[in-house]
PDB file of N, CA and C in Angstrom:
ATOM      1  N   MET A   1       0.842  -1.190   0.000  1.00  0.00           N
ATOM      2  CA  MET A   1       0.000   0.000   0.000  1.00  0.00           C
ATOM      3  C   MET A   1       0.882   1.246   0.000  1.00  0.00           C
ATOM      4  N   PRO A   2       0.581   2.215  -0.837  1.00  0.00           N
ATOM      5  CA  PRO A   2       1.366   3.448  -0.842  1.00  0.00           C
ATOM      6  C   PRO A   2       1.263   4.163   0.507  1.00  0.00           C
ATOM      7  N   LYS A   3       2.273   4.962   0.806  1.00  0.00           N
ATOM      8  CA  LYS A   3       2.289   5.689   2.068  1.00  0.00           C
ATOM      9  C   LYS A   3       1.508   6.995   1.971  1.00  0.00           C
ATOM     10  N   LEU A   4       0.541   7.046   1.099  1.00  0.00           N
ATOM     11  CA  LEU A   4      -0.231   8.262   0.874  1.00  0.00           C
ATOM     12  C   LEU A   4      -1.699   7.951   1.087  1.00  0.00           C
ATOM     13  N   PRO A   5      -2.339   8.593   2.046  1.00  0.00           N
ATOM     14  CA  PRO A   5      -3.764   8.317   2.258  1.00  0.00           C
ATOM     15  C   PRO A   5      -4.593   8.928   1.137  1.00  0.00           C
ATOM     16  N   GLY A   6      -5.869   8.579   1.078  1.00  0.00           N
ATOM     17  CA  GLY A   6      -6.752   9.207   0.110  1.00  0.00           C
ATOM     18  C   GLY A   6      -6.785  10.711   0.338  1.00  0.00           C
ATOM     19  N   VAL A   7      -6.776  11.480  -0.731  1.00  0.00           N
ATOM     20  CA  VAL A   7      -6.703  12.939  -0.645  1.00  0.00           C
ATOM     21  C   VAL A   7      -7.892  13.538  -1.385  1.00  0.00           C
ATOM     22  N   ASN A   8      -8.471  14.585  -0.829  1.00  0.00           N
ATOM     23  CA  ASN A   8      -9.526  15.326  -1.509  1.00  0.00           C
ATOM     24  C   ASN A   8      -8.955  15.887  -2.809  1.00  0.00           C
ATOM     25  N   HIS A   9      -9.713  15.823  -3.901  1.00  0.00           N
ATOM     26  CA  HIS A   9      -9.176  16.253  -5.196  1.00  0.00           C
ATOM     27  C   HIS A   9      -8.821  17.737  -5.213  1.00  0.00           C
ATOM     28  N   LEU A  10      -9.525  18.570  -4.463  1.00  0.00           N
ATOM     29  CA  LEU A  10      -9.198  19.999  -4.433  1.00  0.00           C
ATOM     30  C   LEU A  10      -7.869  20.250  -3.723  1.00  0.00           C
ATOM     31  N   ARG A  11      -7.600  19.496  -2.651  1.00  0.00           N
ATOM     32  CA  ARG A  11      -6.299  19.621  -1.966  1.00  0.00           C
ATOM     33  C   ARG A  11      -5.170  19.165  -2.889  1.00  0.00           C
ATOM     34  N   ALA A  12      -5.419  18.104  -3.658  1.00  0.00           N
ATOM     35  CA  ALA A  12      -4.401  17.608  -4.582  1.00  0.00           C
ATOM     36  C   ALA A  12      -4.099  18.648  -5.661  1.00  0.00           C
ATOM     37  N   VAL A  13      -5.142  19.291  -6.188  1.00  0.00           N
ATOM     38  CA  VAL A  13      -4.945  20.313  -7.224  1.00  0.00           C
ATOM     39  C   VAL A  13      -4.154  21.487  -6.654  1.00  0.00           C
ATOM     40  N   LYS A  14      -4.482  21.928  -5.448  1.00  0.00           N
ATOM     41  CA  LYS A  14      -3.760  23.044  -4.833  1.00  0.00           C
ATOM     42  C   LYS A  14      -2.283  22.689  -4.602  1.00  0.00           C
ATOM     43  N   ALA A  15      -2.026  21.462  -4.171  1.00  0.00           N
ATOM     44  CA  ALA A  15      -0.643  21.028  -3.955  1.00  0.00           C
ATOM     45  C   ALA A  15       0.125  20.986  -5.272  1.00  0.00           C
ATOM     46  N   LEU A  16      -0.517  20.507  -6.332  1.00  0.00           N
ATOM     47  CA  LEU A  16       0.150  20.480  -7.638  1.00  0.00           C
ATOM     48  C   LEU A  16       0.384  21.890  -8.164  1.00  0.00           C
ATOM     49  N   GLU A  17      -0.531  22.816  -7.884  1.00  0.00           N
ATOM     50  CA  GLU A  17      -0.317  24.207  -8.286  1.00  0.00           C
ATOM     51  C   GLU A  17       0.882  24.804  -7.561  1.00  0.00           C
ATOM     52  N   LYS A  18       1.077  24.459  -6.285  1.00  0.00           N
ATOM     53  CA  LYS A  18       2.256  24.920  -5.544  1.00  0.00           C
ATOM     54  C   LYS A  18       3.536  24.380  -6.174  1.00  0.00           C
ATOM     55  N   ALA A  19       3.438  23.195  -6.787  1.00  0.00           N
ATOM     56  CA  ALA A  19       4.599  22.564  -7.419  1.00  0.00           C
ATOM     57  C   ALA A  19       4.851  23.102  -8.822  1.00  0.00           C
ATOM     58  N   GLY A  20       4.025  24.040  -9.299  1.00  0.00           N
ATOM     59  CA  GLY A  20       4.262  24.652 -10.601  1.00  0.00           C
ATOM     60  C   GLY A  20       3.331  24.193 -11.703  1.00  0.00           C
ATOM     61  N   PHE A  21       2.370  23.350 -11.409  1.00  0.00           N
ATOM     62  CA  PHE A  21       1.409  22.910 -12.416  1.00  0.00           C
ATOM     63  C   PHE A  21       0.301  23.934 -12.542  1.00  0.00           C
ATOM     64  N   HIS A  22      -0.335  23.983 -13.703  1.00  0.00           N
ATOM     65  CA  HIS A  22      -1.504  24.842 -13.886  1.00  0.00           C
ATOM     66  C   HIS A  22      -2.607  24.040 -14.571  1.00  0.00           C
ATOM     67  N   ILE A  23      -3.839  24.482 -14.366  1.00  0.00           N
ATOM     68  CA  ILE A  23      -4.997  23.775 -14.908  1.00  0.00           C
ATOM     69  C   ILE A  23      -5.139  24.108 -16.386  1.00  0.00           C
ATOM     70  N   ASP A  24      -5.198  23.066 -17.220  1.00  0.00           N
ATOM     71  CA  ASP A  24      -5.416  23.252 -18.655  1.00  0.00           C
ATOM     72  C   ASP A  24      -6.901  23.256 -18.975  1.00  0.00           C
ATOM     73  N   ARG A  25      -7.608  22.259 -18.443  1.00  0.00           N
ATOM     74  CA  ARG A  25      -9.053  22.190 -18.667  1.00  0.00           C
ATOM     75  C   ARG A  25      -9.675  21.322 -17.596  1.00  0.00           C
ATOM     76  N   GLN A  26     -11.003  21.459 -17.461  1.00  0.00           N
ATOM     77  CA  GLN A  26     -11.720  20.723 -16.428  1.00  0.00           C
ATOM     78  C   GLN A  26     -12.984  20.110 -17.002  1.00  0.00           C
ATOM     79  N   GLY A  27     -13.396  19.043 -16.411  1.00  0.00           N
ATOM     80  CA  GLY A  27     -14.634  18.351 -16.750  1.00  0.00           C
ATOM     81  C   GLY A  27     -14.842  17.346 -15.628  1.00  0.00           C
ATOM     82  N   LYS A  28     -15.011  16.079 -15.986  1.00  0.00           N
ATOM     83  CA  LYS A  28     -15.072  15.041 -14.955  1.00  0.00           C
ATOM     84  C   LYS A  28     -13.703  14.807 -14.343  1.00  0.00           C
ATOM     85  N   HIS A  29     -12.667  15.241 -15.047  1.00  0.00           N
ATOM     86  CA  HIS A  29     -11.294  15.167 -14.565  1.00  0.00           C
ATOM     87  C   HIS A  29     -10.672  16.554 -14.717  1.00  0.00           C
ATOM     88  N   ILE A  30      -9.629  16.809 -13.945  1.00  0.00           N
ATOM     89  CA  ILE A  30      -8.901  18.076 -14.033  1.00  0.00           C
ATOM     90  C   ILE A  30      -7.563  17.773 -14.692  1.00  0.00           C
ATOM     91  N   PHE A  31      -7.319  18.387 -15.841  1.00  0.00           N
ATOM     92  CA  PHE A  31      -6.098  18.175 -16.600  1.00  0.00           C
ATOM     93  C   PHE A  31      -5.127  19.301 -16.262  1.00  0.00           C
ATOM     94  N   MET A  32      -3.924  18.927 -15.816  1.00  0.00           N
ATOM     95  CA  MET A  32      -2.925  19.907 -15.410  1.00  0.00           C
ATOM     96  C   MET A  32      -1.612  19.621 -16.117  1.00  0.00           C
ATOM     97  N   SER A  33      -0.806  20.673 -16.315  1.00  0.00           N
ATOM     98  CA  SER A  33       0.491  20.480 -16.947  1.00  0.00           C
ATOM     99  C   SER A  33       1.511  21.449 -16.362  1.00  0.00           C
ATOM    100  N   SER A  34       2.758  21.062 -16.520  1.00  0.00           N
ATOM    101  CA  SER A  34       3.901  21.884 -16.146  1.00  0.00           C
ATOM    102  C   SER A  34       5.010  21.522 -17.112  1.00  0.00           C
ATOM    103  N   GLY A  35       5.201  22.363 -18.117  1.00  0.00           N
ATOM    104  CA  GLY A  35       6.182  22.035 -19.154  1.00  0.00           C
ATOM    105  C   GLY A  35       5.722  20.814 -19.919  1.00  0.00           C
ATOM    106  N   SER A  36       6.551  19.777 -19.943  1.00  0.00           N
ATOM    107  CA  SER A  36       6.192  18.560 -20.668  1.00  0.00           C
ATOM    108  C   SER A  36       5.481  17.539 -19.775  1.00  0.00           C
ATOM    109  N   LEU A  37       5.389  17.815 -18.470  1.00  0.00           N
ATOM    110  CA  LEU A  37       4.698  16.895 -17.560  1.00  0.00           C
ATOM    111  C   LEU A  37       3.209  17.171 -17.569  1.00  0.00           C
ATOM    112  N   LYS A  38       2.423  16.115 -17.641  1.00  0.00           N
ATOM    113  CA  LYS A  38       0.969  16.241 -17.626  1.00  0.00           C
ATOM    114  C   LYS A  38       0.395  15.255 -16.624  1.00  0.00           C
ATOM    115  N   VAL A  39      -0.600  15.707 -15.859  1.00  0.00           N
ATOM    116  CA  VAL A  39      -1.281  14.835 -14.908  1.00  0.00           C
ATOM    117  C   VAL A  39      -2.781  15.049 -15.032  1.00  0.00           C
ATOM    118  N   VAL A  40      -3.530  14.023 -14.659  1.00  0.00           N
ATOM    119  CA  VAL A  40      -4.992  14.072 -14.683  1.00  0.00           C
ATOM    120  C   VAL A  40      -5.481  13.696 -13.292  1.00  0.00           C
ATOM    121  N   VAL A  41      -6.265  14.598 -12.681  1.00  0.00           N
ATOM    122  CA  VAL A  41      -6.796  14.364 -11.339  1.00  0.00           C
ATOM    123  C   VAL A  41      -8.300  14.127 -11.462  1.00  0.00           C
ATOM    124  N   PRO A  42      -8.789  12.947 -11.062  1.00  0.00           N
ATOM    125  CA  PRO A  42     -10.236  12.706 -11.131  1.00  0.00           C
ATOM    126  C   PRO A  42     -10.956  13.500 -10.043  1.00  0.00           C
ATOM    127  N   ARG A  43     -12.210  13.829 -10.293  1.00  0.00           N
ATOM    128  CA  ARG A  43     -13.000  14.563  -9.297  1.00  0.00           C
ATOM    129  C   ARG A  43     -13.682  13.574  -8.354  1.00  0.00           C
ATOM    130  N   ASN A  44     -12.877  12.801  -7.627  1.00  0.00           N
ATOM    131  CA  ASN A  44     -13.386  11.862  -6.624  1.00  0.00           C
ATOM    132  C   ASN A  44     -13.018  12.397  -5.252  1.00  0.00           C
ATOM    133  N   ASN A  45     -13.864  12.160  -4.283  1.00  0.00           N
ATOM    134  CA  ASN A  45     -13.529  12.512  -2.909  1.00  0.00           C
ATOM    135  C   ASN A  45     -13.673  11.296  -2.046  1.00  0.00           C
ATOM    136  N   PRO A  46     -12.621  10.798  -1.481  1.00  0.00           N
ATOM    137  CA  PRO A  46     -11.242  11.157  -1.769  1.00  0.00           C
ATOM    138  C   PRO A  46     -10.713  10.388  -2.987  1.00  0.00           C
ATOM    139  N   VAL A  47      -9.636  10.905  -3.576  1.00  0.00           N
ATOM    140  CA  VAL A  47      -8.928  10.166  -4.625  1.00  0.00           C
ATOM    141  C   VAL A  47      -8.184   9.065  -3.891  1.00  0.00           C
ATOM    142  N   ASP A  48      -8.387   7.800  -4.286  1.00  0.00           N
ATOM    143  CA  ASP A  48      -7.807   6.695  -3.508  1.00  0.00           C
ATOM    144  C   ASP A  48      -6.278   6.712  -3.558  1.00  0.00           C
ATOM    145  N   ALA A  49      -5.680   5.989  -2.630  1.00  0.00           N
ATOM    146  CA  ALA A  49      -4.238   6.040  -2.420  1.00  0.00           C
ATOM    147  C   ALA A  49      -3.449   5.580  -3.644  1.00  0.00           C
ATOM    148  N   TYR A  50      -3.896   4.537  -4.315  1.00  0.00           N
ATOM    149  CA  TYR A  50      -3.154   4.036  -5.482  1.00  0.00           C
ATOM    150  C   TYR A  50      -3.200   5.030  -6.636  1.00  0.00           C
ATOM    151  N   THR A  51      -4.353   5.622  -6.880  1.00  0.00           N
ATOM    152  CA  THR A  51      -4.474   6.614  -7.952  1.00  0.00           C
ATOM    153  C   THR A  51      -3.637   7.842  -7.622  1.00  0.00           C
ATOM    154  N   MET A  52      -3.689   8.288  -6.369  1.00  0.00           N
ATOM    155  CA  MET A  52      -2.928   9.470  -5.962  1.00  0.00           C
ATOM    156  C   MET A  52      -1.432   9.216  -6.086  1.00  0.00           C
ATOM    157  N   ALA A  53      -0.981   8.023  -5.735  1.00  0.00           N
ATOM    158  CA  ALA A  53       0.438   7.679  -5.871  1.00  0.00           C
ATOM    159  C   ALA A  53       0.869   7.707  -7.337  1.00  0.00           C
ATOM    160  N   ALA A  54       0.007   7.250  -8.239  1.00  0.00           N
ATOM    161  CA  ALA A  54       0.323   7.281  -9.672  1.00  0.00           C
ATOM    162  C   ALA A  54       0.382   8.720 -10.181  1.00  0.00           C
ATOM    163  N   ILE A  55      -0.517   9.582  -9.703  1.00  0.00           N
ATOM    164  CA  ILE A  55      -0.510  10.989 -10.107  1.00  0.00           C
ATOM    165  C   ILE A  55       0.781  11.654  -9.644  1.00  0.00           C
ATOM    166  N   VAL A  56       1.175  11.383  -8.402  1.00  0.00           N
ATOM    167  CA  VAL A  56       2.416  11.965  -7.869  1.00  0.00           C
ATOM    168  C   VAL A  56       3.611  11.486  -8.677  1.00  0.00           C
ATOM    169  N   ARG A  57       3.643  10.201  -9.029  1.00  0.00           N
ATOM    170  CA  ARG A  57       4.740   9.656  -9.842  1.00  0.00           C
ATOM    171  C   ARG A  57       4.777  10.327 -11.212  1.00  0.00           C
ATOM    172  N   ASP A  58       3.597  10.518 -11.842  1.00  0.00           N
ATOM    173  CA  ASP A  58       3.534  11.167 -13.149  1.00  0.00           C
ATOM    174  C   ASP A  58       3.982  12.624 -13.074  1.00  0.00           C
ATOM    175  N   ALA A  59       3.794  13.252 -11.899  1.00  0.00           N
ATOM    176  CA  ALA A  59       4.197  14.648 -11.714  1.00  0.00           C
ATOM    177  C   ALA A  59       5.704  14.767 -11.459  1.00  0.00           C
ATOM    178  N   GLY A  60       6.398  13.642 -11.337  1.00  0.00           N
ATOM    179  CA  GLY A  60       7.839  13.665 -11.144  1.00  0.00           C
ATOM    180  C   GLY A  60       8.254  13.983  -9.721  1.00  0.00           C
ATOM    181  N   MET A  61       7.376  13.701  -8.763  1.00  0.00           N
ATOM    182  CA  MET A  61       7.678  13.973  -7.360  1.00  0.00           C
ATOM    183  C   MET A  61       7.689  12.674  -6.574  1.00  0.00           C
ATOM    184  N   SER A  62       8.293  12.738  -5.389  1.00  0.00           N
ATOM    185  CA  SER A  62       8.186  11.617  -4.465  1.00  0.00           C
ATOM    186  C   SER A  62       6.963  11.857  -3.579  1.00  0.00           C
ATOM    187  N   ILE A  63       6.523  10.810  -2.911  1.00  0.00           N
ATOM    188  CA  ILE A  63       5.359  10.943  -2.032  1.00  0.00           C
ATOM    189  C   ILE A  63       5.663  11.915  -0.896  1.00  0.00           C
ATOM    190  N   GLU A  64       6.899  11.908  -0.393  1.00  0.00           N
ATOM    191  CA  GLU A  64       7.280  12.822   0.684  1.00  0.00           C
ATOM    192  C   GLU A  64       7.215  14.263   0.214  1.00  0.00           C
ATOM    193  N   GLN A  65       7.677  14.542  -1.014  1.00  0.00           N
ATOM    194  CA  GLN A  65       7.606  15.906  -1.555  1.00  0.00           C
ATOM    195  C   GLN A  65       6.163  16.359  -1.687  1.00  0.00           C
ATOM    196  N   PHE A  66       5.294  15.459  -2.147  1.00  0.00           N
ATOM    197  CA  PHE A  66       3.875  15.805  -2.314  1.00  0.00           C
ATOM    198  C   PHE A  66       3.219  16.052  -0.961  1.00  0.00           C
ATOM    199  N   LYS A  67       3.531  15.209   0.023  1.00  0.00           N
ATOM    200  CA  LYS A  67       2.948  15.397   1.359  1.00  0.00           C
ATOM    201  C   LYS A  67       3.342  16.745   1.941  1.00  0.00           C
ATOM    202  N   ALA A  68       4.567  17.189   1.662  1.00  0.00           N
ATOM    203  CA  ALA A  68       5.017  18.493   2.179  1.00  0.00           C
ATOM    204  C   ALA A  68       4.207  19.633   1.557  1.00  0.00           C
ATOM    205  N   LEU A  69       3.706  19.453   0.342  1.00  0.00           N
ATOM    206  CA  LEU A  69       2.919  20.497  -0.328  1.00  0.00           C
ATOM    207  C   LEU A  69       1.467  20.521   0.141  1.00  0.00           C
ATOM    208  N   LEU A  70       0.996  19.402   0.732  1.00  0.00           N
ATOM    209  CA  LEU A  70      -0.379  19.370   1.230  1.00  0.00           C
ATOM    210  C   LEU A  70      -0.448  20.249   2.416  1.00  0.00           C
TER     211      LEU A  70
END
């Protein structure tokens, strides 16, 4: 199990914005990018731990770095 608990999607978006990502578009999912990195955050509350860990990995961060931004 990843060391990351389920996170509210709005908290995840705010943390990614602190890391330099910006929102490209929104719908059932929130599409964000930073340079060539792209991540998709589903609008689930909470986003489960496995999905959140994959989003953090796609963002090029470690789980500890992401937790510090929350």
